[in-house]
Amino acid sequence: MRLLRLGTRGSPLARTQSEWVARRLGELQPGLRVELVIIRTSGDRFSTQINSGLKPPDPYGGDAALSAKGETARSEDGGPLAAANVKAMFVKEIESALLKGKVDLAVHSSKDLPADLAPGLCIAAYPERELPFDVFLGQEGAVRWTGLRRGAVIGTASLRRGLQLAQFRPDLRFVPIRGNVHTRVRKMRAGEADGVILAAAGLRRLGLEDLIQEVLSPEVVVPAPGQGALAVEAASERTDILAFLSRLDHGPTRIAVETERALMHKVGGGCATPLGAFAALDGDRLFLRVFGSDPKGLRPLRLSGRSGLSAAERDFMVDDLAGRLLKGIKV
């Protein structure tokens, strides 16, 4: 094996993540050449339309701010794209290239993968997870989000984040700020918000960790399923590729992410439900923390559970938590 074609989106973060995987593969097999194949997805095209002036729906209900009651909130973590199955929009063309043999592997942010992969594909490796939590970035002088003035504006297009923060600070206003990491920070500094909430992993991978002012614990904001982990996808029939890529796999990360994704699958994929799930290993036990709400944000619910590490024990815990969550939020 002398050449591998790696399919990736063209965003700065996607390229950075894919280049990291390419370097790791080169270390595993000196002399191997990994060629990045940039694939423009339908999600990228939709995002370009938004940035060109097409006004998307507001995940917080138009001009109304998200309140603790959440009367007007009506979108999922992906904001306005959720109604069009946001996660599939950003992977469909890449998965098609894998199935057609145009690329040998693909690298995704695990949190951006839909609950179900395309038939014929699998996750060959989950490299060791980055910091999985959300973080606060504020205007100069704003050290912690809890110290913001009353009525301050937080920029996030994620209803999952907004609903959870509103439970602690119902006075805050939440507005959708979109774009890549640099764009969101620039908009915040231009005065569109007093602070923004972003994923720690993306900032760290881009070398922007110095911008982080506060890491939000999962007791405050439960991360999205798979957040902070990369997923290396390949065709199930390519046993040679799978065997090689398995050397990148990190067992504890796979257990945690597969558990979080199993919960996402049970709840229904997340398109209409703001969902957070974070699994952490503690010796031979697994702790799973969950947040969910109805699509309007009227019934936010936090749950947690513990299990052993076997697939059967984890499945039992996931079934229990998913059932309790769906019953509690009445989706």
C-alpha atoms as a PDB file:
ATOM      1  CA  MET A   1       0.000   0.000   0.000  1.00  0.00           C
ATOM      2  CA  ARG A   2       1.784   3.121  -1.265  1.00  0.00           C
ATOM      3  CA  LEU A   3      -1.057   5.605  -1.764  1.00  0.00           C
ATOM      4  CA  LEU A   4      -4.272   6.335   0.113  1.00  0.00           C
ATOM      5  CA  ARG A   5      -6.840   8.896  -1.034  1.00  0.00           C
ATOM      6  CA  LEU A   6      -8.440  10.662   1.914  1.00  0.00           C
ATOM      7  CA  GLY A   7     -11.771  12.393   1.324  1.00  0.00           C
ATOM      8  CA  THR A   8     -12.476  15.533   3.327  1.00  0.00           C
ATOM      9  CA  ARG A   9     -14.420  18.758   3.277  1.00  0.00           C
ATOM     10  CA  GLY A  10     -12.431  21.855   2.440  1.00  0.00           C
ATOM     11  CA  SER A  11     -12.997  23.929   5.582  1.00  0.00           C
ATOM     12  CA  PRO A  12      -9.892  24.907   7.573  1.00  0.00           C
ATOM     13  CA  LEU A  13     -10.894  22.635  10.454  1.00  0.00           C
ATOM     14  CA  ALA A  14     -11.712  19.667   8.205  1.00  0.00           C
ATOM     15  CA  ARG A  15      -8.387  19.988   6.396  1.00  0.00           C
ATOM     16  CA  THR A  16      -6.470  20.334   9.663  1.00  0.00           C
ATOM     17  CA  GLN A  17      -8.106  17.194  11.049  1.00  0.00           C
ATOM     18  CA  SER A  18      -7.482  15.241   7.850  1.00  0.00           C
ATOM     19  CA  GLU A  19      -3.859  16.367   7.664  1.00  0.00           C
ATOM     20  CA  TRP A  20      -3.378  15.166  11.248  1.00  0.00           C
ATOM     21  CA  VAL A  21      -4.747  11.726  10.335  1.00  0.00           C
ATOM     22  CA  ALA A  22      -2.581  11.660   7.200  1.00  0.00           C
ATOM     23  CA  ARG A  23       0.529  12.338   9.289  1.00  0.00           C
ATOM     24  CA  ARG A  24      -0.389   9.605  11.755  1.00  0.00           C
ATOM     25  CA  LEU A  25      -0.858   7.115   8.921  1.00  0.00           C
ATOM     26  CA  GLY A  26       2.504   8.115   7.476  1.00  0.00           C
ATOM     27  CA  GLU A  27       4.112   7.419  10.844  1.00  0.00           C
ATOM     28  CA  LEU A  28       2.528   3.963  10.908  1.00  0.00           C
ATOM     29  CA  GLN A  29       3.864   3.128   7.438  1.00  0.00           C
ATOM     30  CA  PRO A  30       6.901   5.162   6.342  1.00  0.00           C
ATOM     31  CA  GLY A  31       6.836   5.859   2.620  1.00  0.00           C
ATOM     32  CA  LEU A  32       3.044   5.874   2.437  1.00  0.00           C
ATOM     33  CA  ARG A  33       1.609   8.848   0.553  1.00  0.00           C
ATOM     34  CA  VAL A  34      -1.788  10.125   1.688  1.00  0.00           C
ATOM     35  CA  GLU A  35      -3.481  12.392  -0.850  1.00  0.00           C
ATOM     36  CA  LEU A  36      -6.230  14.721   0.393  1.00  0.00           C
ATOM     37  CA  VAL A  37      -9.235  14.814  -1.925  1.00  0.00           C
ATOM     38  CA  ILE A  38     -11.372  17.884  -1.208  1.00  0.00           C
ATOM     39  CA  ILE A  39     -15.085  17.158  -1.619  1.00  0.00           C
ATOM     40  CA  ARG A  40     -17.634  19.965  -1.632  1.00  0.00           C
ATOM     41  CA  THR A  41     -20.829  18.801   0.056  1.00  0.00           C
ATOM     42  CA  SER A  42     -24.399  20.007  -0.281  1.00  0.00           C
ATOM     43  CA  GLY A  43     -24.064  21.344   3.270  1.00  0.00           C
ATOM     44  CA  ASP A  44     -21.105  23.469   2.183  1.00  0.00           C
ATOM     45  CA  ARG A  45     -23.108  24.855  -0.728  1.00  0.00           C
ATOM     46  CA  PHE A  46     -26.034  25.676   1.566  1.00  0.00           C
ATOM     47  CA  SER A  47     -23.691  27.417   3.995  1.00  0.00           C
ATOM     48  CA  THR A  48     -22.284  29.486   1.142  1.00  0.00           C
ATOM     49  CA  GLN A  49     -25.805  30.620   0.242  1.00  0.00           C
ATOM     50  CA  ILE A  50     -26.368  31.716   3.849  1.00  0.00           C
ATOM     51  CA  ASN A  51     -23.092  33.626   3.930  1.00  0.00           C
ATOM     52  CA  SER A  52     -24.052  35.289   0.643  1.00  0.00           C
ATOM     53  CA  GLY A  53     -27.156  36.810   2.158  1.00  0.00           C
ATOM     54  CA  LEU A  54     -29.828  34.094   2.179  1.00  0.00           C
ATOM     55  CA  LYS A  55     -31.475  34.524   5.586  1.00  0.00           C
ATOM     56  CA  PRO A  56     -32.102  31.165   7.297  1.00  0.00           C
ATOM     57  CA  PRO A  57     -34.709  30.570   9.981  1.00  0.00           C
ATOM     58  CA  ASP A  58     -33.679  31.647  13.474  1.00  0.00           C
ATOM     59  CA  PRO A  59     -33.296  28.606  15.773  1.00  0.00           C
ATOM     60  CA  TYR A  60     -34.495  30.779  18.660  1.00  0.00           C
ATOM     61  CA  GLY A  61     -37.725  31.833  16.994  1.00  0.00           C
ATOM     62  CA  GLY A  62     -37.134  35.016  15.037  1.00  0.00           C
ATOM     63  CA  ASP A  63     -36.599  38.210  16.996  1.00  0.00           C
ATOM     64  CA  ALA A  64     -37.596  36.661  20.312  1.00  0.00           C
ATOM     65  CA  ALA A  65     -34.772  35.679  22.619  1.00  0.00           C
ATOM     66  CA  LEU A  66     -34.465  32.211  24.062  1.00  0.00           C
ATOM     67  CA  SER A  67     -35.832  32.331  27.588  1.00  0.00           C
ATOM     68  CA  ALA A  68     -35.685  29.828  30.402  1.00  0.00           C
ATOM     69  CA  LYS A  69     -39.116  28.626  29.310  1.00  0.00           C
ATOM     70  CA  GLY A  70     -37.952  28.308  25.716  1.00  0.00           C
ATOM     71  CA  GLU A  71     -41.335  29.318  24.304  1.00  0.00           C
ATOM     72  CA  THR A  72     -40.019  30.161  20.873  1.00  0.00           C
ATOM     73  CA  ALA A  73     -37.131  27.774  20.380  1.00  0.00           C
ATOM     74  CA  ARG A  74     -37.787  25.345  17.565  1.00  0.00           C
ATOM     75  CA  SER A  75     -34.662  23.917  16.032  1.00  0.00           C
ATOM     76  CA  GLU A  76     -32.028  21.324  16.779  1.00  0.00           C
ATOM     77  CA  ASP A  77     -28.331  21.642  17.518  1.00  0.00           C
ATOM     78  CA  GLY A  78     -27.580  22.338  13.893  1.00  0.00           C
ATOM     79  CA  GLY A  79     -29.778  25.426  13.813  1.00  0.00           C
ATOM     80  CA  PRO A  80     -31.581  26.195  10.561  1.00  0.00           C
ATOM     81  CA  LEU A  81     -30.045  23.364   8.625  1.00  0.00           C
ATOM     82  CA  ALA A  82     -31.546  20.751  10.939  1.00  0.00           C
ATOM     83  CA  ALA A  83     -34.838  20.597   9.057  1.00  0.00           C
ATOM     84  CA  ALA A  84     -32.924  19.522   5.964  1.00  0.00           C
ATOM     85  CA  ASN A  85     -31.063  16.804   7.883  1.00  0.00           C
ATOM     86  CA  VAL A  86     -27.945  18.861   8.477  1.00  0.00           C
ATOM     87  CA  LYS A  87     -25.654  15.974   9.321  1.00  0.00           C
ATOM     88  CA  ALA A  88     -26.398  14.027   6.143  1.00  0.00           C
ATOM     89  CA  MET A  89     -25.895  17.183   4.085  1.00  0.00           C
ATOM     90  CA  PHE A  90     -22.268  17.412   5.193  1.00  0.00           C
ATOM     91  CA  VAL A  91     -21.330  13.760   4.581  1.00  0.00           C
ATOM     92  CA  LYS A  92     -23.509  12.492   1.709  1.00  0.00           C
ATOM     93  CA  GLU A  93     -21.100  13.304  -1.115  1.00  0.00           C
ATOM     94  CA  ILE A  94     -18.125  12.044   0.872  1.00  0.00           C
ATOM     95  CA  GLU A  95     -19.827   8.726   1.609  1.00  0.00           C
ATOM     96  CA  SER A  96     -20.783   8.441  -2.061  1.00  0.00           C
ATOM     97  CA  ALA A  97     -17.123   8.864  -3.020  1.00  0.00           C
ATOM     98  CA  LEU A  98     -16.173   6.085  -0.581  1.00  0.00           C
ATOM     99  CA  LEU A  99     -18.764   3.697  -1.980  1.00  0.00           C
ATOM    100  CA  LYS A 100     -17.689   4.440  -5.566  1.00  0.00           C
ATOM    101  CA  GLY A 101     -14.031   3.877  -4.733  1.00  0.00           C
ATOM    102  CA  LYS A 102     -13.036   7.450  -5.542  1.00  0.00           C
ATOM    103  CA  VAL A 103     -11.442   7.769  -2.094  1.00  0.00           C
ATOM    104  CA  ASP A 104     -10.137   5.097   0.282  1.00  0.00           C
ATOM    105  CA  LEU A 105     -11.024   6.712   3.587  1.00  0.00           C
ATOM    106  CA  ALA A 106     -12.679   9.807   4.973  1.00  0.00           C
ATOM    107  CA  VAL A 107     -12.224  11.829   8.149  1.00  0.00           C
ATOM    108  CA  HIS A 108     -15.166  13.407   9.953  1.00  0.00           C
ATOM    109  CA  SER A 109     -15.868  15.120  13.229  1.00  0.00           C
ATOM    110  CA  SER A 110     -17.846  12.374  14.972  1.00  0.00           C
ATOM    111  CA  LYS A 111     -20.474  14.827  16.192  1.00  0.00           C
ATOM    112  CA  ASP A 112     -21.273  15.717  12.575  1.00  0.00           C
ATOM    113  CA  LEU A 113     -22.055  12.147  11.520  1.00  0.00           C
ATOM    114  CA  PRO A 114     -25.721  11.132  11.179  1.00  0.00           C
ATOM    115  CA  ALA A 115     -26.988   8.386  13.459  1.00  0.00           C
ATOM    116  CA  ASP A 116     -26.858   5.855  10.611  1.00  0.00           C
ATOM    117  CA  LEU A 117     -23.984   5.548   8.155  1.00  0.00           C
ATOM    118  CA  ALA A 118     -24.642   4.729   4.524  1.00  0.00           C
ATOM    119  CA  PRO A 119     -24.970   0.952   3.954  1.00  0.00           C
ATOM    120  CA  GLY A 120     -21.604  -0.555   3.092  1.00  0.00           C
ATOM    121  CA  LEU A 121     -19.584   1.859   5.239  1.00  0.00           C
ATOM    122  CA  CYS A 122     -18.173   1.633   8.760  1.00  0.00           C
ATOM    123  CA  ILE A 123     -16.015   3.560  11.206  1.00  0.00           C
ATOM    124  CA  ALA A 124     -12.590   1.971  10.883  1.00  0.00           C
ATOM    125  CA  ALA A 125     -11.009   4.022  13.660  1.00  0.00           C
ATOM    126  CA  TYR A 126     -11.720   6.524  16.381  1.00  0.00           C
ATOM    127  CA  PRO A 127      -8.367   8.133  17.272  1.00  0.00           C
ATOM    128  CA  GLU A 128      -7.916   9.254  20.863  1.00  0.00           C
ATOM    129  CA  ARG A 129     -10.464  11.911  21.704  1.00  0.00           C
ATOM    130  CA  GLU A 130      -9.657  15.604  22.087  1.00  0.00           C
ATOM    131  CA  LEU A 131     -11.202  17.683  24.882  1.00  0.00           C
ATOM    132  CA  PRO A 132     -14.933  16.980  24.333  1.00  0.00           C
ATOM    133  CA  PHE A 133     -16.455  19.994  26.082  1.00  0.00           C
ATOM    134  CA  ASP A 134     -17.881  23.320  24.958  1.00  0.00           C
ATOM    135  CA  VAL A 135     -16.073  26.540  25.837  1.00  0.00           C
ATOM    136  CA  PHE A 136     -16.875  30.211  26.341  1.00  0.00           C
ATOM    137  CA  LEU A 137     -15.098  32.989  24.468  1.00  0.00           C
ATOM    138  CA  GLY A 138     -15.996  36.512  25.525  1.00  0.00           C
ATOM    139  CA  GLN A 139     -15.218  40.111  24.796  1.00  0.00           C
ATOM    140  CA  GLU A 140     -12.063  41.460  26.383  1.00  0.00           C
ATOM    141  CA  GLY A 141     -12.495  41.498  30.136  1.00  0.00           C
ATOM    142  CA  ALA A 142     -15.216  38.814  30.212  1.00  0.00           C
ATOM    143  CA  VAL A 143     -13.508  35.924  31.990  1.00  0.00           C
ATOM    144  CA  ARG A 144     -16.452  33.645  32.818  1.00  0.00           C
ATOM    145  CA  TRP A 145     -19.858  33.368  31.201  1.00  0.00           C
ATOM    146  CA  THR A 146     -21.556  33.397  34.604  1.00  0.00           C
ATOM    147  CA  GLY A 147     -20.094  36.845  35.214  1.00  0.00           C
ATOM    148  CA  LEU A 148     -21.719  38.434  32.168  1.00  0.00           C
ATOM    149  CA  ARG A 149     -24.012  41.403  32.743  1.00  0.00           C
ATOM    150  CA  ARG A 150     -27.742  40.782  32.996  1.00  0.00           C
ATOM    151  CA  GLY A 151     -29.305  40.492  29.536  1.00  0.00           C
ATOM    152  CA  ALA A 152     -25.968  39.850  27.820  1.00  0.00           C
ATOM    153  CA  VAL A 153     -26.017  38.288  24.357  1.00  0.00           C
ATOM    154  CA  ILE A 154     -24.496  34.862  23.713  1.00  0.00           C
ATOM    155  CA  GLY A 155     -23.838  33.795  20.138  1.00  0.00           C
ATOM    156  CA  THR A 156     -24.605  30.180  19.277  1.00  0.00           C
ATOM    157  CA  ALA A 157     -26.695  28.539  16.576  1.00  0.00           C
ATOM    158  CA  SER A 158     -26.947  25.438  18.794  1.00  0.00           C
ATOM    159  CA  LEU A 159     -30.240  25.050  20.609  1.00  0.00           C
ATOM    160  CA  ARG A 160     -28.638  22.282  22.699  1.00  0.00           C
ATOM    161  CA  ARG A 161     -26.168  24.796  24.122  1.00  0.00           C
ATOM    162  CA  GLY A 162     -28.645  27.635  24.475  1.00  0.00           C
ATOM    163  CA  LEU A 163     -31.252  25.619  26.357  1.00  0.00           C
ATOM    164  CA  GLN A 164     -28.725  24.295  28.848  1.00  0.00           C
ATOM    165  CA  LEU A 165     -27.146  27.669  29.569  1.00  0.00           C
ATOM    166  CA  ALA A 166     -30.602  29.228  29.973  1.00  0.00           C
ATOM    167  CA  GLN A 167     -31.277  26.841  32.852  1.00  0.00           C
ATOM    168  CA  PHE A 168     -28.515  28.600  34.813  1.00  0.00           C
ATOM    169  CA  ARG A 169     -28.866  32.127  33.410  1.00  0.00           C
ATOM    170  CA  PRO A 170     -32.441  32.697  32.162  1.00  0.00           C
ATOM    171  CA  ASP A 171     -31.711  36.403  31.737  1.00  0.00           C
ATOM    172  CA  LEU A 172     -29.239  35.858  28.897  1.00  0.00           C
ATOM    173  CA  ARG A 173     -30.222  36.324  25.254  1.00  0.00           C
ATOM    174  CA  PHE A 174     -29.107  33.804  22.640  1.00  0.00           C
ATOM    175  CA  VAL A 175     -28.620  34.716  18.989  1.00  0.00           C
ATOM    176  CA  PRO A 176     -27.465  32.533  16.088  1.00  0.00           C
ATOM    177  CA  ILE A 177     -23.911  33.273  14.993  1.00  0.00           C
ATOM    178  CA  ARG A 178     -22.742  31.016  12.166  1.00  0.00           C
ATOM    179  CA  GLY A 179     -19.651  30.420  10.097  1.00  0.00           C
ATOM    180  CA  ASN A 180     -16.309  28.797  10.781  1.00  0.00           C
ATOM    181  CA  VAL A 181     -14.437  29.358  14.035  1.00  0.00           C
ATOM    182  CA  HIS A 182     -12.611  32.468  12.831  1.00  0.00           C
ATOM    183  CA  THR A 183     -15.840  33.984  11.476  1.00  0.00           C
ATOM    184  CA  ARG A 184     -17.716  33.471  14.736  1.00  0.00           C
ATOM    185  CA  VAL A 185     -14.938  35.019  16.794  1.00  0.00           C
ATOM    186  CA  ARG A 186     -14.731  37.975  14.398  1.00  0.00           C
ATOM    187  CA  LYS A 187     -18.495  38.551  14.603  1.00  0.00           C
ATOM    188  CA  MET A 188     -18.371  38.444  18.389  1.00  0.00           C
ATOM    189  CA  ARG A 189     -15.520  40.939  18.528  1.00  0.00           C
ATOM    190  CA  ALA A 190     -17.417  43.176  16.103  1.00  0.00           C
ATOM    191  CA  GLY A 191     -20.148  43.480  18.716  1.00  0.00           C
ATOM    192  CA  GLU A 192     -22.748  40.976  17.512  1.00  0.00           C
ATOM    193  CA  ALA A 193     -22.536  39.215  20.886  1.00  0.00           C
ATOM    194  CA  ASP A 194     -20.922  39.536  24.297  1.00  0.00           C
ATOM    195  CA  GLY A 195     -19.591  36.016  23.953  1.00  0.00           C
ATOM    196  CA  VAL A 196     -19.790  32.848  21.877  1.00  0.00           C
ATOM    197  CA  ILE A 197     -19.926  29.152  22.750  1.00  0.00           C
ATOM    198  CA  LEU A 198     -17.767  26.828  20.649  1.00  0.00           C
ATOM    199  CA  ALA A 199     -16.404  23.287  20.814  1.00  0.00           C
ATOM    200  CA  ALA A 200     -13.034  23.097  22.554  1.00  0.00           C
ATOM    201  CA  ALA A 201     -11.704  20.445  20.181  1.00  0.00           C
ATOM    202  CA  GLY A 202     -11.980  22.606  17.070  1.00  0.00           C
ATOM    203  CA  LEU A 203     -10.177  25.505  18.708  1.00  0.00           C
ATOM    204  CA  ARG A 204      -7.388  23.275  19.981  1.00  0.00           C
ATOM    205  CA  ARG A 205      -6.914  21.540  16.643  1.00  0.00           C
ATOM    206  CA  LEU A 206      -6.628  24.928  14.944  1.00  0.00           C
ATOM    207  CA  GLY A 207      -4.090  26.102  17.517  1.00  0.00           C
ATOM    208  CA  LEU A 208      -6.505  28.671  18.962  1.00  0.00           C
ATOM    209  CA  GLU A 209      -6.717  27.341  22.512  1.00  0.00           C
ATOM    210  CA  ASP A 210      -5.427  30.664  23.860  1.00  0.00           C
ATOM    211  CA  LEU A 211      -8.820  32.170  22.947  1.00  0.00           C
ATOM    212  CA  ILE A 212     -10.608  29.895  25.433  1.00  0.00           C
ATOM    213  CA  GLN A 213     -11.726  31.791  28.527  1.00  0.00           C
ATOM    214  CA  GLU A 214     -13.748  29.068  30.244  1.00  0.00           C
ATOM    215  CA  VAL A 215     -14.316  25.365  29.697  1.00  0.00           C
ATOM    216  CA  LEU A 216     -17.961  24.454  30.343  1.00  0.00           C
ATOM    217  CA  SER A 217     -18.250  21.294  32.416  1.00  0.00           C
ATOM    218  CA  PRO A 218     -20.751  18.612  31.345  1.00  0.00           C
ATOM    219  CA  GLU A 219     -22.721  19.435  34.486  1.00  0.00           C
ATOM    220  CA  VAL A 220     -23.452  22.775  32.798  1.00  0.00           C
ATOM    221  CA  VAL A 221     -23.507  21.881  29.092  1.00  0.00           C
ATOM    222  CA  VAL A 222     -23.623  18.236  28.036  1.00  0.00           C
ATOM    223  CA  PRO A 223     -21.671  18.013  24.755  1.00  0.00           C
ATOM    224  CA  ALA A 224     -23.093  16.706  21.495  1.00  0.00           C
ATOM    225  CA  PRO A 225     -22.759  12.939  20.919  1.00  0.00           C
ATOM    226  CA  GLY A 226     -19.263  12.238  19.615  1.00  0.00           C
ATOM    227  CA  GLN A 227     -17.986  15.767  20.258  1.00  0.00           C
ATOM    228  CA  GLY A 228     -14.199  16.016  20.308  1.00  0.00           C
ATOM    229  CA  ALA A 229     -13.634  12.703  18.523  1.00  0.00           C
ATOM    230  CA  LEU A 230     -12.600  12.090  14.928  1.00  0.00           C
ATOM    231  CA  ALA A 231     -14.149   9.253  12.940  1.00  0.00           C
ATOM    232  CA  VAL A 232     -12.190   7.574  10.157  1.00  0.00           C
ATOM    233  CA  GLU A 233     -14.698   6.038   7.752  1.00  0.00           C
ATOM    234  CA  ALA A 234     -14.097   3.410   5.068  1.00  0.00           C
ATOM    235  CA  ALA A 235     -15.935   0.850   2.959  1.00  0.00           C
ATOM    236  CA  SER A 236     -16.794  -2.328   4.867  1.00  0.00           C
ATOM    237  CA  GLU A 237     -15.532  -4.527   2.024  1.00  0.00           C
ATOM    238  CA  ARG A 238     -12.039  -2.962   2.031  1.00  0.00           C
ATOM    239  CA  THR A 239     -10.592  -5.357   4.580  1.00  0.00           C
ATOM    240  CA  ASP A 240      -7.017  -4.329   3.764  1.00  0.00           C
ATOM    241  CA  ILE A 241      -7.813  -0.682   4.467  1.00  0.00           C
ATOM    242  CA  LEU A 242      -9.768  -1.544   7.620  1.00  0.00           C
ATOM    243  CA  ALA A 243      -6.915  -3.607   9.043  1.00  0.00           C
ATOM    244  CA  PHE A 244      -4.459  -0.771   8.491  1.00  0.00           C
ATOM    245  CA  LEU A 245      -6.739   1.959   9.825  1.00  0.00           C
ATOM    246  CA  SER A 246      -7.539  -0.080  12.940  1.00  0.00           C
ATOM    247  CA  ARG A 247      -4.051   0.787  14.171  1.00  0.00           C
ATOM    248  CA  LEU A 248      -5.333   4.334  14.728  1.00  0.00           C
ATOM    249  CA  ASP A 249      -8.241   3.151  16.855  1.00  0.00           C
ATOM    250  CA  HIS A 250      -8.345   4.138  20.538  1.00  0.00           C
ATOM    251  CA  GLY A 251     -10.394   1.620  22.501  1.00  0.00           C
ATOM    252  CA  PRO A 252     -11.727   3.888  25.278  1.00  0.00           C
ATOM    253  CA  THR A 253     -12.725   6.531  22.729  1.00  0.00           C
ATOM    254  CA  ARG A 254     -14.582   3.946  20.642  1.00  0.00           C
ATOM    255  CA  ILE A 255     -16.507   2.678  23.676  1.00  0.00           C
ATOM    256  CA  ALA A 256     -17.519   6.198  24.709  1.00  0.00           C
ATOM    257  CA  VAL A 257     -18.455   7.475  21.250  1.00  0.00           C
ATOM    258  CA  GLU A 258     -20.324   4.328  20.232  1.00  0.00           C
ATOM    259  CA  THR A 259     -22.349   4.575  23.443  1.00  0.00           C
ATOM    260  CA  GLU A 260     -23.210   8.221  22.774  1.00  0.00           C
ATOM    261  CA  ARG A 261     -24.129   7.454  19.164  1.00  0.00           C
ATOM    262  CA  ALA A 262     -26.247   4.490  20.262  1.00  0.00           C
ATOM    263  CA  LEU A 263     -28.275   6.845  22.433  1.00  0.00           C
ATOM    264  CA  MET A 264     -28.609   9.272  19.513  1.00  0.00           C
ATOM    265  CA  HIS A 265     -29.867   6.406  17.352  1.00  0.00           C
ATOM    266  CA  LYS A 266     -32.429   5.334  19.971  1.00  0.00           C
ATOM    267  CA  VAL A 267     -33.727   8.872  20.404  1.00  0.00           C
ATOM    268  CA  GLY A 268     -34.154   9.150  16.661  1.00  0.00           C
ATOM    269  CA  GLY A 269     -31.102  10.769  15.145  1.00  0.00           C
ATOM    270  CA  GLY A 270     -31.483  14.197  16.699  1.00  0.00           C
ATOM    271  CA  CYS A 271     -32.991  16.176  13.828  1.00  0.00           C
ATOM    272  CA  ALA A 272     -35.889  17.499  15.884  1.00  0.00           C
ATOM    273  CA  THR A 273     -34.505  16.921  19.370  1.00  0.00           C
ATOM    274  CA  PRO A 274     -31.769  19.019  20.996  1.00  0.00           C
ATOM    275  CA  LEU A 275     -29.560  16.238  22.358  1.00  0.00           C
ATOM    276  CA  GLY A 276     -26.404  16.028  24.417  1.00  0.00           C
ATOM    277  CA  ALA A 277     -24.645  12.809  25.422  1.00  0.00           C
ATOM    278  CA  PHE A 278     -21.280  12.366  27.090  1.00  0.00           C
ATOM    279  CA  ALA A 279     -19.813   9.018  28.143  1.00  0.00           C
ATOM    280  CA  ALA A 280     -16.732   8.721  30.354  1.00  0.00           C
ATOM    281  CA  LEU A 281     -14.863   5.609  31.450  1.00  0.00           C
ATOM    282  CA  ASP A 282     -13.897   5.129  35.079  1.00  0.00           C
ATOM    283  CA  GLY A 283     -11.986   1.893  35.397  1.00  0.00           C
ATOM    284  CA  ASP A 284     -14.334  -0.915  34.409  1.00  0.00           C
ATOM    285  CA  ARG A 285     -17.425   1.307  34.584  1.00  0.00           C
ATOM    286  CA  LEU A 286     -18.984   3.718  32.112  1.00  0.00           C
ATOM    287  CA  PHE A 287     -20.834   6.880  33.134  1.00  0.00           C
ATOM    288  CA  LEU A 288     -23.264   8.419  30.633  1.00  0.00           C
ATOM    289  CA  ARG A 289     -24.658  11.915  31.067  1.00  0.00           C
ATOM    290  CA  VAL A 290     -27.594  12.952  28.842  1.00  0.00           C
ATOM    291  CA  PHE A 291     -29.494  16.145  28.038  1.00  0.00           C
ATOM    292  CA  GLY A 292     -32.584  16.343  25.849  1.00  0.00           C
ATOM    293  CA  SER A 293     -35.598  18.504  25.205  1.00  0.00           C
ATOM    294  CA  ASP A 294     -38.700  18.659  23.076  1.00  0.00           C
ATOM    295  CA  PRO A 295     -38.166  20.605  19.814  1.00  0.00           C
ATOM    296  CA  LYS A 296     -39.687  23.774  21.322  1.00  0.00           C
ATOM    297  CA  GLY A 297     -37.462  23.692  24.373  1.00  0.00           C
ATOM    298  CA  LEU A 298     -40.361  23.486  26.820  1.00  0.00           C
ATOM    299  CA  ARG A 299     -39.300  20.306  28.640  1.00  0.00           C
ATOM    300  CA  PRO A 300     -35.509  20.170  29.070  1.00  0.00           C
ATOM    301  CA  LEU A 301     -34.361  17.074  30.924  1.00  0.00           C
ATOM    302  CA  ARG A 302     -31.026  15.861  32.314  1.00  0.00           C
ATOM    303  CA  LEU A 303     -30.375  12.190  33.070  1.00  0.00           C
ATOM    304  CA  SER A 304     -27.409   9.972  33.865  1.00  0.00           C
ATOM    305  CA  GLY A 305     -26.612   6.297  34.158  1.00  0.00           C
ATOM    306  CA  ARG A 306     -23.792   3.835  34.848  1.00  0.00           C
ATOM    307  CA  SER A 307     -22.952   0.475  33.343  1.00  0.00           C
ATOM    308  CA  GLY A 308     -20.210  -2.044  32.815  1.00  0.00           C
ATOM    309  CA  LEU A 309     -18.166  -1.969  29.622  1.00  0.00           C
ATOM    310  CA  SER A 310     -19.660  -4.966  27.843  1.00  0.00           C
ATOM    311  CA  ALA A 311     -21.860  -4.288  24.836  1.00  0.00           C
ATOM    312  CA  ALA A 312     -24.851  -5.888  26.566  1.00  0.00           C
ATOM    313  CA  GLU A 313     -24.491  -3.741  29.689  1.00  0.00           C
ATOM    314  CA  ARG A 314     -24.053  -0.567  27.667  1.00  0.00           C
ATOM    315  CA  ASP A 315     -27.052  -1.386  25.492  1.00  0.00           C
ATOM    316  CA  PHE A 316     -29.223  -1.921  28.565  1.00  0.00           C
ATOM    317  CA  MET A 317     -28.213   1.463  29.983  1.00  0.00           C
ATOM    318  CA  VAL A 318     -28.767   3.234  26.650  1.00  0.00           C
ATOM    319  CA  ASP A 319     -32.214   1.661  26.231  1.00  0.00           C
ATOM    320  CA  ASP A 320     -33.187   2.749  29.740  1.00  0.00           C
ATOM    321  CA  LEU A 321     -31.962   6.333  29.354  1.00  0.00           C
ATOM    322  CA  ALA A 322     -33.430   6.748  25.870  1.00  0.00           C
ATOM    323  CA  GLY A 323     -36.812   5.490  27.066  1.00  0.00           C
ATOM    324  CA  ARG A 324     -36.822   7.796  30.083  1.00  0.00           C
ATOM    325  CA  LEU A 325     -35.701  10.735  27.972  1.00  0.00           C
ATOM    326  CA  LEU A 326     -38.361  10.279  25.297  1.00  0.00           C
ATOM    327  CA  LYS A 327     -41.026   9.832  27.953  1.00  0.00           C
ATOM    328  CA  GLY A 328     -39.867  12.901  29.855  1.00  0.00           C
ATOM    329  CA  ILE A 329     -39.706  15.252  26.879  1.00  0.00           C
ATOM    330  CA  LYS A 330     -42.767  13.651  25.229  1.00  0.00           C
ATOM    331  CA  VAL A 331     -41.402  13.718  21.679  1.00  0.00           C
END
